[in-house]
Amino acid sequence: MTLHREMLIAGHFVGGPCDQSVGKTVIRNPYDGSIVGTAAEGGWGELNTCLDAAQDAFKTWRSSTRADRQKLLRRIAELVRERYDELVEIVTDEVGKPITWSKGEVTRLALTFDLAAQTLDHWGIETPSLDYDPRGKDYTCRVERFPIGVVFAIVPYNWPYNLTAHKIAPALAVGNTVVLKVSPLAPLSTLTLARLIHEAGCPPGVVNAWSGDASHAQRAIQDDRVSMLSFTGSAAVGWKLKDLVPRKRVTLELGGDASAIVCADADLDWATQRIVAGKFGFAGQICISVQHVLADESIYASLRGKLIEGTKSCPTGNPREPVTVCGPLISTQAADRVEQWVDEAVASGARTLVAGRRSGNLIEPTLLEAVPAGCRLATEEVFGPILTLAPFSGLHEAIKTVNQSRFGIHCGIFTQDVIAQQMAYDALEVGGVILNDYTTLRFDKLPYGGVKNSGFGREGIRYAMDEMSEFRSFVSRINE
């Protein structure tokens, strides 16, 4: 029996399986092509109703108490834990995420909503002293953050639960309302989360979830009813949307081509283990997965041999098998593109160390060295299970290579040298530096985002709450 999911609009589920007035899209498992389910697909009429509902709901939700918002956020987290197995199964089948990674996403999903509730205990109210100014003795001051309105959130397929939560949870915590555009590649997962939020007691119109053509979403973000755009996806689309709304709040969480720098003193066995997991996990469909390994020339040959062995032995195949690390790419189009980029690099002179075979949407882990600088594999985000390897002479050279990229979310460095660690932290032009672990590591409490072409603004619960709110000062004269 396949799954069907409706859109959530003003507290109602729209587009049931028998509703012929609303379109449906069929979702197939990217691993074996089997039908996972169907999802409702709306047009401008449904999206327009979402905007009306969110705008109307904001009038009351903005005045809700912190205690009420915390109660809702905690109830959502509770329901996620209660439905853990169901949520894991849906995302594994819909996007081909290896089940171990799916379990990790659902675990983090609950933590993300809990974290938003916890953050409300201490966030958003300050009472700064005014005694630095002689006039200040006659006044008190309170500075508070207030919600801004309707947040239009656009989410991708690769983390359809937790990346959605990183938009909805802070918006709810602040007192904003949300119109969510789900990914056409993962509507079942995200619409299931929207249903769960509704069943947790979210008031009608506070969270609305819509699936449909991107042109309608582009129209919506320019609408006066929308106060903020929160976008996660490709750099090409994100920056275009930002240009359309120069006067609105915008956060962009975009792509990356993360590097791992392996220094001469690194534990090569550990570095290999983490690089292989961080590159090939979920077939590299993570914006902070390792794409390039830079190895000190003194240990290059040793690391090269270990990476060849690790790449060849990386468990690949059925995402429902607990041992699987590298599953399928999301679509035939995605697999075609990755294959083309590898062919282009090899034709330009790159050397193949491990040639991953392709079967349907599954591309086995692949390792290349000497990739020419002009290739797309060297300069763009591959979003697939392809790893490049190159030597460097001196840490300054490695840092320079990383900083030449147009992207910059995470960079990893494997070293025990505290001077090298600090040098990397000071000089790398990225949003985060990961020491002695894979670049895929993310803790949901920390600020998250990139520099240069990788994004604008920051996510991470408290930091997203800051982005989704505005300061207001209240200065009061003391009556003696």
Protein backbone atom coordinates (compact mmCIF):
# COMPACT_ATOMS: atom_id res chain seq x y z
CA MET A 1 0.00 0.00 0.00
CA THR A 2 1.43 3.36 -1.03
CA LEU A 3 1.35 6.58 0.96
CA HIS A 4 -0.58 9.72 0.00
CA ARG A 5 -0.02 13.15 1.48
CA GLU A 6 -2.08 16.31 1.15
CA MET A 7 -1.05 19.93 1.42
CA LEU A 8 -1.79 21.72 4.70
CA ILE A 9 -3.64 24.99 4.11
CA ALA A 10 -5.27 27.05 6.87
CA GLY A 11 -5.55 23.98 9.09
CA HIS A 12 -7.13 21.82 6.38
CA PHE A 13 -5.64 18.97 4.37
CA VAL A 14 -6.12 19.75 0.69
CA GLY A 15 -5.78 17.36 -2.22
CA GLY A 16 -6.90 13.99 -0.92
CA PRO A 17 -6.43 10.88 -3.08
CA CYS A 18 -9.97 11.17 -4.49
CA ASP A 19 -9.93 14.95 -5.00
CA GLN A 20 -9.72 15.34 -8.76
CA SER A 21 -9.56 19.14 -8.57
CA VAL A 22 -5.99 18.99 -7.24
CA GLY A 23 -3.08 17.48 -9.15
CA LYS A 24 -1.01 14.58 -7.86
CA THR A 25 2.63 13.65 -8.32
CA VAL A 26 3.92 10.09 -8.11
CA ILE A 27 7.02 9.49 -6.00
CA ARG A 28 9.30 6.56 -6.81
CA ASN A 29 12.05 5.04 -4.74
CA PRO A 30 15.33 6.22 -6.33
CA TYR A 31 16.98 2.88 -5.56
CA ASP A 32 14.59 0.41 -7.20
CA GLY A 33 11.98 2.57 -8.93
CA SER A 34 9.07 1.23 -6.89
CA ILE A 35 6.19 3.59 -6.15
CA VAL A 36 6.46 5.04 -2.65
CA GLY A 37 3.35 7.17 -2.82
CA THR A 38 1.59 10.20 -4.22
CA ALA A 39 1.45 13.81 -3.10
CA ALA A 40 -0.99 16.64 -3.77
CA GLU A 41 0.28 19.42 -6.00
CA GLY A 42 -1.30 22.87 -5.99
CA GLY A 43 -1.32 25.98 -8.11
CA TRP A 44 -1.42 29.69 -7.39
CA GLY A 45 -4.94 29.46 -5.96
CA GLU A 46 -3.83 27.13 -3.17
CA LEU A 47 -0.63 29.07 -2.52
CA ASN A 48 -2.56 32.35 -2.40
CA THR A 49 -4.83 30.82 0.25
CA CYS A 50 -1.74 29.78 2.22
CA LEU A 51 -0.52 33.38 2.22
CA ASP A 52 -3.91 34.68 3.39
CA ALA A 53 -4.08 32.06 6.12
CA ALA A 54 -0.55 32.79 7.38
CA GLN A 55 -1.13 36.53 7.37
CA ASP A 56 -4.40 36.15 9.27
CA ALA A 57 -2.94 33.67 11.78
CA PHE A 58 -0.04 36.01 12.51
CA LYS A 59 -2.44 38.51 14.10
CA THR A 60 -3.01 36.15 17.01
CA TRP A 61 0.07 33.90 16.99
CA ARG A 62 2.37 36.89 17.39
CA SER A 63 0.72 37.53 20.78
CA SER A 64 0.93 33.94 21.98
CA THR A 65 2.84 33.42 25.20
CA ARG A 66 6.30 31.91 25.31
CA ALA A 67 4.88 29.11 27.41
CA ASP A 68 2.30 28.27 24.72
CA ARG A 69 4.95 28.27 22.00
CA GLN A 70 7.24 26.09 24.09
CA LYS A 71 4.40 23.68 24.74
CA LEU A 72 3.72 23.31 21.02
CA LEU A 73 7.40 22.86 20.14
CA ARG A 74 7.84 20.20 22.81
CA ARG A 75 4.70 18.39 21.72
CA ILE A 76 6.01 18.28 18.15
CA ALA A 77 9.29 16.78 19.40
CA GLU A 78 7.32 14.24 21.44
CA LEU A 79 5.27 13.15 18.40
CA VAL A 80 8.44 12.83 16.30
CA ARG A 81 9.81 10.39 18.86
CA GLU A 82 6.54 8.49 19.00
CA ARG A 83 6.50 8.11 15.21
CA TYR A 84 10.20 7.52 14.82
CA ASP A 85 9.96 4.28 12.84
CA GLU A 86 7.35 5.66 10.45
CA LEU A 87 9.37 8.79 9.72
CA VAL A 88 12.56 6.80 9.18
CA GLU A 89 10.86 4.48 6.73
CA ILE A 90 9.33 7.31 4.67
CA VAL A 91 12.56 9.26 4.17
CA THR A 92 14.57 6.12 3.45
CA ASP A 93 12.20 5.05 0.70
CA GLU A 94 11.46 8.50 -0.72
CA VAL A 95 14.98 9.88 -1.15
CA GLY A 96 17.08 6.72 -0.90
CA LYS A 97 18.82 7.87 2.27
CA PRO A 98 20.68 4.97 3.95
CA ILE A 99 18.62 3.93 6.93
CA THR A 100 21.36 4.68 9.46
CA TRP A 101 21.46 8.26 8.17
CA SER A 102 17.65 8.41 8.18
CA LYS A 103 17.62 7.44 11.84
CA GLY A 104 20.12 10.18 12.56
CA GLU A 105 17.96 12.75 10.78
CA VAL A 106 14.80 11.83 12.69
CA THR A 107 16.69 11.89 15.99
CA ARG A 108 17.96 15.38 15.19
CA LEU A 109 14.49 16.43 14.08
CA ALA A 110 13.13 15.95 17.60
CA LEU A 111 16.20 17.62 19.13
CA THR A 112 15.74 20.65 16.86
CA PHE A 113 12.21 21.35 18.10
CA ASP A 114 13.27 20.74 21.71
CA LEU A 115 16.18 23.15 21.22
CA ALA A 116 13.85 25.88 19.98
CA ALA A 117 11.71 25.46 23.06
CA GLN A 118 14.75 25.57 25.35
CA THR A 119 16.13 28.67 23.64
CA LEU A 120 12.95 30.57 24.51
CA ASP A 121 13.88 30.30 28.20
CA HIS A 122 16.51 33.01 27.79
CA TRP A 123 16.27 34.49 24.30
CA GLY A 124 15.14 37.87 23.11
CA ILE A 125 14.88 40.14 26.16
CA GLU A 126 17.65 42.38 27.48
CA THR A 127 17.70 45.11 30.11
CA PRO A 128 20.83 47.13 29.31
CA SER A 129 22.08 49.61 31.86
CA LEU A 130 22.01 53.27 30.82
CA ASP A 131 24.29 54.54 33.58
CA TYR A 132 27.18 55.04 31.13
CA ASP A 133 25.41 58.30 30.22
CA PRO A 134 24.71 60.93 32.90
CA ARG A 135 21.16 61.21 31.58
CA GLY A 136 20.63 57.51 32.13
CA LYS A 137 19.99 57.83 35.88
CA ASP A 138 16.44 58.93 35.10
CA TYR A 139 15.61 56.03 32.75
CA THR A 140 15.27 52.27 32.48
CA CYS A 141 15.35 50.33 29.25
CA ARG A 142 14.16 47.03 27.89
CA VAL A 143 15.21 45.70 24.48
CA GLU A 144 13.12 42.88 23.09
CA ARG A 145 12.88 40.93 19.86
CA PHE A 146 9.54 40.80 18.07
CA PRO A 147 8.25 38.57 15.25
CA ILE A 148 8.25 39.98 11.75
CA GLY A 149 5.35 38.20 10.04
CA VAL A 150 5.04 35.50 7.40
CA VAL A 151 8.17 33.49 6.64
CA PHE A 152 8.20 31.84 3.21
CA ALA A 153 10.39 28.75 3.53
CA ILE A 154 11.76 26.75 0.60
CA VAL A 155 13.36 23.42 1.46
CA PRO A 156 15.36 20.79 -0.51
CA TYR A 157 15.04 17.03 -0.77
CA ASN A 158 18.21 15.88 0.95
CA TRP A 159 17.19 16.55 4.58
CA PRO A 160 13.43 16.94 4.16
CA TYR A 161 12.75 16.77 7.89
CA ASN A 162 15.56 18.54 9.67
CA LEU A 163 16.20 21.33 7.18
CA THR A 164 12.46 22.03 7.32
CA ALA A 165 12.61 22.03 11.10
CA HIS A 166 15.42 24.59 10.99
CA LYS A 167 12.95 26.99 9.40
CA ILE A 168 9.70 26.08 11.15
CA ALA A 169 10.99 25.65 14.71
CA PRO A 170 12.64 29.10 15.03
CA ALA A 171 9.74 30.77 13.24
CA LEU A 172 7.24 29.22 15.67
CA ALA A 173 9.44 30.08 18.64
CA VAL A 174 9.62 33.74 17.66
CA GLY A 175 5.90 34.05 16.91
CA ASN A 176 6.01 34.13 13.12
CA THR A 177 3.83 32.11 10.77
CA VAL A 178 5.08 29.97 7.91
CA VAL A 179 4.28 29.10 4.33
CA LEU A 180 6.39 26.13 3.37
CA LYS A 181 7.22 25.09 -0.19
CA VAL A 182 8.23 21.44 -0.14
CA SER A 183 10.70 19.88 -2.54
CA PRO A 184 9.10 18.13 -5.54
CA LEU A 185 11.61 15.33 -4.93
CA ALA A 186 10.63 14.75 -1.30
CA PRO A 187 7.04 15.93 -0.74
CA LEU A 188 5.96 12.88 1.25
CA SER A 189 8.51 13.40 4.01
CA THR A 190 7.95 17.12 4.42
CA LEU A 191 4.16 16.96 4.11
CA THR A 192 4.20 14.18 6.71
CA LEU A 193 6.07 16.52 9.04
CA ALA A 194 3.52 19.27 8.36
CA ARG A 195 0.71 16.85 9.23
CA LEU A 196 2.49 15.91 12.45
CA ILE A 197 2.87 19.60 13.40
CA HIS A 198 -0.86 20.10 12.82
CA GLU A 199 -1.72 17.07 14.92
CA ALA A 200 0.51 18.40 17.70
CA GLY A 201 -1.95 21.28 18.10
CA CYS A 202 -0.51 23.98 15.85
CA PRO A 203 -3.26 26.59 15.31
CA PRO A 204 -4.74 26.76 11.78
CA GLY A 205 -2.75 28.94 9.41
CA VAL A 206 0.35 29.16 11.58
CA VAL A 207 2.10 26.52 9.47
CA ASN A 208 1.00 25.93 5.88
CA ALA A 209 2.65 23.43 3.53
CA TRP A 210 2.30 23.68 -0.25
CA SER A 211 3.70 21.71 -3.16
CA GLY A 212 3.77 23.07 -6.69
CA ASP A 213 5.60 24.82 -9.49
CA ALA A 214 8.55 27.04 -8.62
CA SER A 215 7.13 29.92 -10.66
CA HIS A 216 4.29 30.29 -8.17
CA ALA A 217 6.77 30.31 -5.30
CA GLN A 218 8.74 33.07 -7.02
CA ARG A 219 5.55 35.10 -7.28
CA ALA A 220 4.74 34.46 -3.63
CA ILE A 221 8.02 35.69 -2.20
CA GLN A 222 7.48 39.04 -3.94
CA ASP A 223 4.02 39.35 -2.40
CA ASP A 224 3.55 41.99 0.29
CA ARG A 225 2.10 39.38 2.64
CA VAL A 226 5.55 37.73 2.91
CA SER A 227 8.01 39.35 5.30
CA MET A 228 10.96 36.99 4.90
CA LEU A 229 12.40 34.36 2.59
CA SER A 230 14.30 31.44 4.10
CA PHE A 231 15.79 29.35 1.30
CA THR A 232 17.89 26.21 1.22
CA GLY A 233 18.96 24.95 -2.19
CA SER A 234 21.21 25.76 -5.11
CA ALA A 235 23.26 28.93 -5.31
CA ALA A 236 21.90 29.78 -8.77
CA VAL A 237 18.30 29.80 -7.56
CA GLY A 238 18.98 31.31 -4.13
CA TRP A 239 20.82 34.41 -5.30
CA LYS A 240 18.24 34.99 -8.04
CA LEU A 241 15.43 34.95 -5.49
CA LYS A 242 17.32 37.30 -3.19
CA ASP A 243 17.69 39.81 -6.03
CA LEU A 244 13.92 39.76 -6.47
CA VAL A 245 13.26 40.94 -2.90
CA PRO A 246 15.98 43.47 -2.02
CA ARG A 247 13.90 45.05 0.76
CA LYS A 248 12.95 41.84 2.54
CA ARG A 249 14.69 39.68 5.12
CA VAL A 250 16.46 36.80 3.41
CA THR A 251 18.56 33.88 4.57
CA LEU A 252 20.22 31.63 2.01
CA GLU A 253 21.74 28.26 2.84
CA LEU A 254 23.36 27.20 -0.41
CA GLY A 255 25.93 24.83 -1.85
CA GLY A 256 29.52 24.01 -1.03
CA ASP A 257 32.56 22.05 -2.17
CA ALA A 258 34.13 21.32 1.21
CA SER A 259 37.78 20.39 1.52
CA ALA A 260 39.56 18.28 4.10
CA ILE A 261 43.18 19.26 4.78
CA VAL A 262 45.28 16.35 6.01
CA CYS A 263 48.54 17.48 7.61
CA ALA A 264 51.75 15.51 8.04
CA ASP A 265 51.05 14.69 11.70
CA ALA A 266 47.48 13.49 11.14
CA ASP A 267 46.20 10.07 12.21
CA LEU A 268 45.83 8.75 8.65
CA ASP A 269 43.65 5.77 9.56
CA TRP A 270 41.17 8.02 11.38
CA ALA A 271 41.30 10.69 8.67
CA THR A 272 40.60 8.07 6.00
CA GLN A 273 37.70 6.60 7.94
CA ARG A 274 36.03 9.97 8.46
CA ILE A 275 36.69 11.27 4.94
CA VAL A 276 35.17 8.15 3.39
CA ALA A 277 32.10 8.41 5.64
CA GLY A 278 31.83 12.16 5.10
CA LYS A 279 32.15 11.95 1.33
CA PHE A 280 30.18 8.86 0.41
CA GLY A 281 27.50 8.91 3.11
CA PHE A 282 24.12 9.42 1.39
CA ALA A 283 26.02 9.42 -1.91
CA GLY A 284 27.54 12.82 -1.15
CA GLN A 285 24.17 14.59 -1.39
CA ILE A 286 25.00 16.94 1.46
CA CYS A 287 26.18 20.50 0.96
CA ILE A 288 28.96 20.07 3.53
CA SER A 289 30.16 16.63 2.41
CA VAL A 290 33.87 16.39 1.62
CA GLN A 291 34.57 16.97 -2.06
CA HIS A 292 38.31 17.66 -2.09
CA VAL A 293 41.10 16.14 -0.01
CA LEU A 294 44.33 18.12 0.25
CA ALA A 295 47.18 16.03 1.65
CA ASP A 296 50.61 17.16 2.79
CA GLU A 297 53.09 15.93 0.21
CA SER A 298 55.05 14.02 2.85
CA ILE A 299 52.11 11.70 3.58
CA TYR A 300 50.40 11.91 0.19
CA ALA A 301 51.34 8.42 -0.99
CA SER A 302 50.30 6.81 2.29
CA LEU A 303 46.96 8.60 2.41
CA ARG A 304 46.39 7.90 -1.26
CA GLY A 305 46.70 4.17 -0.65
CA LYS A 306 44.37 4.26 2.34
CA LEU A 307 41.75 6.31 0.48
CA ILE A 308 41.85 3.89 -2.46
CA GLU A 309 41.21 1.00 -0.08
CA GLY A 310 38.52 2.90 1.84
CA THR A 311 36.74 4.01 -1.33
CA LYS A 312 36.69 0.49 -2.76
CA SER A 313 35.36 -1.03 0.47
CA CYS A 314 32.69 1.58 1.23
CA PRO A 315 29.37 -0.30 1.65
CA THR A 316 27.15 0.69 -1.27
CA GLY A 317 23.69 -0.35 -2.39
CA ASN A 318 20.26 -0.84 -0.82
CA PRO A 319 19.51 2.07 1.56
CA ARG A 320 17.37 -0.20 3.74
CA GLU A 321 20.44 -2.27 4.68
CA PRO A 322 21.92 -0.96 7.96
CA VAL A 323 25.49 -1.38 6.69
CA THR A 324 24.92 0.80 3.60
CA VAL A 325 26.81 4.09 3.54
CA CYS A 326 26.43 5.09 -0.12
CA GLY A 327 22.96 4.72 -1.58
CA PRO A 328 21.45 5.99 -4.83
CA LEU A 329 21.37 9.50 -6.18
CA ILE A 330 17.95 11.12 -6.06
CA SER A 331 17.19 10.85 -9.79
CA THR A 332 18.40 9.70 -13.19
CA GLN A 333 19.11 13.33 -14.08
CA ALA A 334 21.33 13.73 -11.01
CA ALA A 335 23.22 10.54 -11.81
CA ASP A 336 23.65 11.60 -15.44
CA ARG A 337 25.12 14.94 -14.37
CA VAL A 338 27.60 13.38 -11.93
CA GLU A 339 28.70 10.85 -14.53
CA GLN A 340 29.21 13.63 -17.09
CA TRP A 341 31.37 15.63 -14.68
CA VAL A 342 33.60 12.62 -14.01
CA ASP A 343 33.94 11.90 -17.73
CA GLU A 344 34.81 15.55 -18.36
CA ALA A 345 37.52 15.53 -15.67
CA VAL A 346 39.07 12.30 -16.96
CA ALA A 347 39.00 13.56 -20.54
CA SER A 348 40.83 16.68 -19.34
CA GLY A 349 43.62 14.67 -17.71
CA ALA A 350 42.39 13.59 -14.26
CA ARG A 351 43.61 10.17 -13.12
CA THR A 352 41.08 7.63 -11.90
CA LEU A 353 42.17 5.90 -8.71
CA VAL A 354 38.85 4.16 -8.07
CA ALA A 355 36.30 3.99 -10.89
CA GLY A 356 32.81 3.65 -9.46
CA ARG A 357 30.44 1.76 -11.70
CA ARG A 358 26.92 2.98 -12.36
CA SER A 359 23.71 0.96 -12.08
CA GLY A 360 20.53 2.99 -12.48
CA ASN A 361 20.69 5.89 -10.04
CA LEU A 362 23.47 4.21 -8.06
CA ILE A 363 27.04 5.39 -8.68
CA GLU A 364 29.68 3.60 -6.67
CA PRO A 365 32.22 5.69 -4.71
CA THR A 366 34.79 7.21 -7.06
CA LEU A 367 38.24 8.67 -6.34
CA LEU A 368 40.22 10.90 -8.72
CA GLU A 369 43.52 12.76 -8.51
CA ALA A 370 45.17 15.47 -10.61
CA VAL A 371 41.81 16.99 -11.53
CA PRO A 372 42.47 20.04 -13.76
CA ALA A 373 41.47 23.37 -12.29
CA GLY A 374 39.08 24.22 -15.12
CA CYS A 375 36.84 21.19 -14.68
CA ARG A 376 33.41 21.50 -13.11
CA LEU A 377 34.44 18.80 -10.66
CA ALA A 378 37.15 21.16 -9.41
CA THR A 379 35.06 24.32 -9.22
CA GLU A 380 31.40 23.37 -8.69
CA GLU A 381 29.46 21.36 -6.10
CA VAL A 382 29.27 17.79 -7.38
CA PHE A 383 26.57 16.60 -4.93
CA GLY A 384 27.51 13.02 -5.62
CA PRO A 385 29.90 10.25 -4.46
CA ILE A 386 33.00 11.67 -6.15
CA LEU A 387 36.17 12.57 -4.23
CA THR A 388 39.26 14.37 -5.51
CA LEU A 389 42.76 14.16 -4.05
CA ALA A 390 45.69 16.56 -4.43
CA PRO A 391 48.99 17.26 -2.60
CA PHE A 392 50.12 20.48 -0.97
CA SER A 393 53.43 21.84 0.26
CA GLY A 394 52.94 23.79 3.47
CA LEU A 395 49.69 24.71 5.22
CA HIS A 396 49.66 28.18 3.69
CA GLU A 397 49.35 26.60 0.25
CA ALA A 398 46.46 24.38 1.36
CA ILE A 399 44.61 27.34 2.89
CA LYS A 400 45.16 29.37 -0.27
CA THR A 401 43.71 26.53 -2.36
CA VAL A 402 40.61 26.31 -0.18
CA ASN A 403 40.11 30.06 -0.23
CA GLN A 404 40.22 30.17 -4.02
CA SER A 405 36.87 28.38 -4.10
CA ARG A 406 33.72 30.39 -4.79
CA PHE A 407 32.11 28.49 -1.90
CA GLY A 408 32.72 28.35 1.82
CA ILE A 409 30.54 26.53 4.35
CA HIS A 410 32.81 24.04 6.13
CA CYS A 411 36.43 22.99 5.89
CA GLY A 412 38.07 20.16 7.80
CA ILE A 413 41.65 19.90 9.02
CA PHE A 414 43.33 16.82 10.46
CA THR A 415 46.29 17.77 12.65
CA GLN A 416 47.49 17.68 16.26
CA ASP A 417 49.51 20.88 15.89
CA VAL A 418 47.77 23.66 17.83
CA ILE A 419 49.55 26.35 15.80
CA ALA A 420 48.27 24.80 12.57
CA GLN A 421 44.81 24.52 14.04
CA GLN A 422 44.73 28.19 14.94
CA MET A 423 46.21 29.21 11.59
CA ALA A 424 43.45 27.33 9.77
CA TYR A 425 40.73 28.79 11.99
CA ASP A 426 42.04 32.33 11.48
CA ALA A 427 42.66 32.16 7.74
CA LEU A 428 40.09 29.84 6.16
CA GLU A 429 37.25 31.70 4.46
CA VAL A 430 34.42 29.42 5.53
CA GLY A 431 31.50 29.43 7.94
CA GLY A 432 32.94 26.66 10.10
CA VAL A 433 36.19 24.77 10.65
CA ILE A 434 36.00 21.12 11.72
CA LEU A 435 39.07 19.75 13.51
CA ASN A 436 39.94 16.06 13.19
CA ASP A 437 36.55 15.01 11.83
CA TYR A 438 34.53 15.08 8.65
CA THR A 439 33.11 18.32 7.27
CA THR A 440 29.62 16.82 7.35
CA LEU A 441 29.52 17.33 11.11
CA ARG A 442 26.83 19.80 12.18
CA PHE A 443 25.42 20.57 15.61
CA ASP A 444 22.00 22.21 15.43
CA LYS A 445 22.71 24.68 18.22
CA LEU A 446 25.59 26.33 16.36
CA PRO A 447 25.40 29.07 13.72
CA TYR A 448 25.29 27.43 10.31
CA GLY A 449 25.81 28.92 6.88
CA GLY A 450 28.42 29.95 4.41
CA VAL A 451 30.37 32.82 2.94
CA LYS A 452 30.88 33.87 -0.68
CA ASN A 453 28.60 31.87 -2.99
CA SER A 454 27.52 29.53 -0.19
CA GLY A 455 24.95 31.72 1.45
CA PHE A 456 23.71 34.78 3.26
CA GLY A 457 22.78 34.96 6.93
CA ARG A 458 22.86 32.09 9.40
CA GLU A 459 20.70 29.21 10.50
CA GLY A 460 21.05 27.26 13.73
CA ILE A 461 18.09 27.70 16.08
CA ARG A 462 19.08 30.75 18.11
CA TYR A 463 20.70 32.44 15.12
CA ALA A 464 17.70 31.77 12.90
CA MET A 465 15.48 33.23 15.62
CA ASP A 466 17.60 36.38 15.46
CA GLU A 467 17.24 36.49 11.67
CA MET A 468 13.45 36.04 11.95
CA SER A 469 12.86 38.83 14.44
CA GLU A 470 13.54 42.52 14.95
CA PHE A 471 14.70 44.61 17.90
CA ARG A 472 12.43 47.03 19.66
CA SER A 473 13.56 49.28 22.52
CA PHE A 474 11.33 50.48 25.36
CA VAL A 475 12.79 53.43 27.29
CA SER A 476 10.94 54.48 30.42
CA ARG A 477 11.47 57.59 32.53
CA ILE A 478 11.64 56.93 36.23
CA ASN A 479 9.05 58.93 38.11
CA GLU A 480 10.39 60.06 41.46
